[in-house]
């Protein structure tokens, strides 16, 4: 699970942001599968602290509902 989190958190700041989601999608050639609305929804659904980013604890809790296909 840590490896998946780090793949999204490609700037190593400890949080996944909308920008990180787009960068990860681009690396996987999935940029056509995601739009800003979807990326924001992923963050909003998993961001339990309301800070606009998803830390590892948020990711672990929200992974089954938000981060998996």
N, C-alpha and C. Protein backbone atom coordinates (compact mmCIF):
# COMPACT_ATOMS: atom_id res chain seq x y z
N UNK A 1 0.82 -1.19 0.00
CA UNK A 1 0.00 0.00 0.00
C UNK A 1 0.87 1.26 0.00
N UNK A 2 1.97 1.22 0.70
CA UNK A 2 2.90 2.35 0.73
C UNK A 2 3.45 2.65 -0.66
N UNK A 3 3.73 1.61 -1.44
CA UNK A 3 4.25 1.81 -2.79
C UNK A 3 3.22 2.51 -3.68
N UNK A 4 1.97 2.15 -3.55
CA UNK A 4 0.92 2.79 -4.34
C UNK A 4 0.80 4.25 -3.94
N UNK A 5 0.81 4.51 -2.64
CA UNK A 5 0.74 5.89 -2.16
C UNK A 5 1.91 6.71 -2.73
N UNK A 6 3.10 6.16 -2.68
CA UNK A 6 4.28 6.89 -3.17
C UNK A 6 4.23 7.10 -4.68
N UNK A 7 3.58 6.19 -5.40
CA UNK A 7 3.42 6.39 -6.85
C UNK A 7 2.58 7.63 -7.12
N UNK A 8 1.52 7.82 -6.35
CA UNK A 8 0.70 9.03 -6.48
C UNK A 8 1.44 10.26 -5.94
N UNK A 9 2.09 10.11 -4.79
CA UNK A 9 2.79 11.23 -4.15
C UNK A 9 4.18 11.40 -4.78
N UNK A 10 4.17 11.71 -6.08
CA UNK A 10 5.43 11.73 -6.83
C UNK A 10 6.34 12.91 -6.52
N UNK A 11 5.88 13.86 -5.73
CA UNK A 11 6.76 14.96 -5.31
C UNK A 11 7.25 14.77 -3.87
N UNK A 12 6.90 13.64 -3.28
CA UNK A 12 7.37 13.24 -1.93
C UNK A 12 7.10 14.28 -0.85
N UNK A 13 5.95 14.94 -0.93
CA UNK A 13 5.62 15.90 0.12
C UNK A 13 4.71 15.30 1.19
N UNK A 14 4.40 14.01 1.05
CA UNK A 14 3.59 13.33 2.07
C UNK A 14 2.10 13.43 1.85
N UNK A 15 1.68 14.06 0.75
CA UNK A 15 0.26 14.18 0.44
C UNK A 15 0.02 14.01 -1.06
N UNK A 16 -1.12 13.44 -1.37
CA UNK A 16 -1.54 13.34 -2.77
C UNK A 16 -2.43 14.54 -3.06
N UNK A 17 -2.10 15.24 -4.12
CA UNK A 17 -2.87 16.41 -4.55
C UNK A 17 -3.50 16.12 -5.91
N UNK A 18 -4.36 17.01 -6.36
CA UNK A 18 -4.94 16.89 -7.69
C UNK A 18 -3.82 16.86 -8.73
N UNK A 19 -2.83 17.70 -8.56
CA UNK A 19 -1.69 17.72 -9.48
C UNK A 19 -1.00 16.36 -9.53
N UNK A 20 -0.81 15.73 -8.36
CA UNK A 20 -0.20 14.41 -8.31
C UNK A 20 -1.02 13.38 -9.07
N UNK A 21 -2.34 13.46 -8.95
CA UNK A 21 -3.21 12.51 -9.65
C UNK A 21 -3.02 12.65 -11.16
N UNK A 22 -3.01 13.87 -11.66
CA UNK A 22 -2.81 14.09 -13.09
C UNK A 22 -1.43 13.61 -13.54
N UNK A 23 -0.41 13.84 -12.75
CA UNK A 23 0.94 13.41 -13.12
C UNK A 23 1.03 11.89 -13.16
N UNK A 24 0.41 11.23 -12.20
CA UNK A 24 0.41 9.77 -12.16
C UNK A 24 -0.36 9.22 -13.37
N UNK A 25 -1.50 9.79 -13.66
CA UNK A 25 -2.30 9.35 -14.82
C UNK A 25 -1.50 9.52 -16.11
N UNK A 26 -0.77 10.62 -16.22
CA UNK A 26 0.05 10.87 -17.40
C UNK A 26 1.14 9.81 -17.55
N UNK A 27 1.81 9.47 -16.45
CA UNK A 27 2.87 8.47 -16.50
C UNK A 27 2.33 7.10 -16.93
N UNK A 28 1.09 6.82 -16.58
CA UNK A 28 0.48 5.54 -16.91
C UNK A 28 -0.31 5.58 -18.23
N UNK A 29 -0.17 6.68 -18.96
CA UNK A 29 -0.91 6.89 -20.21
C UNK A 29 -2.42 6.78 -19.99
N UNK A 30 -2.89 7.30 -18.86
CA UNK A 30 -4.31 7.29 -18.53
C UNK A 30 -4.89 8.69 -18.43
N UNK A 31 -4.17 9.67 -18.96
CA UNK A 31 -4.62 11.06 -18.82
C UNK A 31 -5.99 11.29 -19.45
N UNK A 32 -6.35 10.50 -20.44
CA UNK A 32 -7.67 10.63 -21.07
C UNK A 32 -8.79 10.04 -20.20
N UNK A 33 -8.43 9.31 -19.14
CA UNK A 33 -9.40 8.67 -18.26
C UNK A 33 -9.82 9.54 -17.08
N UNK A 34 -9.14 10.66 -16.88
CA UNK A 34 -9.41 11.48 -15.70
C UNK A 34 -9.58 12.94 -16.10
N UNK A 35 -10.47 13.59 -15.41
CA UNK A 35 -10.64 15.03 -15.62
C UNK A 35 -10.57 15.72 -14.26
N UNK A 36 -10.61 17.02 -14.27
CA UNK A 36 -10.45 17.77 -13.03
C UNK A 36 -11.55 17.44 -12.01
N UNK A 37 -12.75 17.26 -12.49
CA UNK A 37 -13.86 16.92 -11.59
C UNK A 37 -13.61 15.59 -10.88
N UNK A 38 -13.14 14.57 -11.64
CA UNK A 38 -12.85 13.27 -11.05
C UNK A 38 -11.70 13.36 -10.04
N UNK A 39 -10.66 14.08 -10.40
CA UNK A 39 -9.50 14.22 -9.51
C UNK A 39 -9.89 14.93 -8.21
N UNK A 40 -10.68 15.98 -8.34
CA UNK A 40 -11.13 16.70 -7.14
C UNK A 40 -12.01 15.81 -6.27
N UNK A 41 -12.87 15.00 -6.89
CA UNK A 41 -13.72 14.09 -6.14
C UNK A 41 -12.88 13.08 -5.37
N UNK A 42 -11.82 12.57 -6.00
CA UNK A 42 -10.95 11.61 -5.32
C UNK A 42 -10.35 12.23 -4.06
N UNK A 43 -9.88 13.47 -4.19
CA UNK A 43 -9.29 14.16 -3.04
C UNK A 43 -10.36 14.43 -1.97
N UNK A 44 -11.49 14.98 -2.37
CA UNK A 44 -12.55 15.32 -1.42
C UNK A 44 -13.05 14.10 -0.65
N UNK A 45 -13.18 12.97 -1.34
CA UNK A 45 -13.69 11.76 -0.69
C UNK A 45 -12.71 11.17 0.33
N UNK A 46 -11.43 11.35 0.10
CA UNK A 46 -10.44 10.74 0.98
C UNK A 46 -9.82 11.70 1.99
N UNK A 47 -9.96 12.99 1.77
CA UNK A 47 -9.32 14.00 2.62
C UNK A 47 -10.14 14.21 3.90
N UNK A 48 -9.86 13.41 4.91
CA UNK A 48 -10.61 13.49 6.17
C UNK A 48 -10.28 14.75 6.97
N UNK A 49 -9.15 15.36 6.71
CA UNK A 49 -8.74 16.55 7.47
C UNK A 49 -9.23 17.84 6.83
N UNK A 50 -9.70 17.76 5.59
CA UNK A 50 -10.19 18.95 4.90
C UNK A 50 -9.10 19.92 4.50
N UNK A 51 -7.91 19.40 4.20
CA UNK A 51 -6.77 20.26 3.87
C UNK A 51 -6.46 20.32 2.38
N UNK A 52 -7.25 19.60 1.55
CA UNK A 52 -7.02 19.64 0.12
C UNK A 52 -5.98 18.67 -0.38
N UNK A 53 -5.56 17.74 0.46
CA UNK A 53 -4.60 16.71 0.08
C UNK A 53 -4.87 15.46 0.88
N UNK A 54 -4.36 14.35 0.41
CA UNK A 54 -4.59 13.06 1.07
C UNK A 54 -3.26 12.53 1.59
N UNK A 55 -3.15 12.43 2.92
CA UNK A 55 -1.92 11.87 3.49
C UNK A 55 -2.06 10.34 3.54
N UNK A 56 -1.04 9.66 4.02
CA UNK A 56 -1.05 8.20 3.98
C UNK A 56 -2.16 7.62 4.84
N UNK A 57 -2.42 8.21 5.99
CA UNK A 57 -3.51 7.71 6.85
C UNK A 57 -4.86 7.83 6.15
N UNK A 58 -5.12 8.97 5.52
CA UNK A 58 -6.34 9.15 4.74
C UNK A 58 -6.41 8.12 3.62
N UNK A 59 -5.29 7.91 2.95
CA UNK A 59 -5.21 6.98 1.83
C UNK A 59 -5.56 5.57 2.26
N UNK A 60 -5.01 5.14 3.40
CA UNK A 60 -5.28 3.79 3.89
C UNK A 60 -6.77 3.60 4.17
N UNK A 61 -7.39 4.58 4.75
CA UNK A 61 -8.80 4.49 5.11
C UNK A 61 -9.69 4.54 3.86
N UNK A 62 -9.35 5.42 2.93
CA UNK A 62 -10.19 5.63 1.76
C UNK A 62 -9.86 4.80 0.55
N UNK A 63 -8.83 3.99 0.61
CA UNK A 63 -8.33 3.31 -0.59
C UNK A 63 -9.37 2.43 -1.26
N UNK A 64 -10.15 1.71 -0.51
CA UNK A 64 -11.08 0.76 -1.12
C UNK A 64 -12.21 1.47 -1.88
N UNK A 65 -12.51 2.69 -1.48
CA UNK A 65 -13.64 3.40 -2.08
C UNK A 65 -13.23 4.38 -3.18
N UNK A 66 -12.03 4.90 -3.12
CA UNK A 66 -11.66 6.00 -4.00
C UNK A 66 -10.53 5.63 -4.96
N UNK A 67 -9.52 4.95 -4.50
CA UNK A 67 -8.29 4.83 -5.26
C UNK A 67 -8.18 3.54 -6.07
N UNK A 68 -9.17 2.68 -6.00
CA UNK A 68 -9.10 1.47 -6.80
C UNK A 68 -10.19 1.50 -7.87
N UNK A 69 -9.93 0.89 -9.01
CA UNK A 69 -10.92 0.90 -10.11
C UNK A 69 -12.16 0.11 -9.77
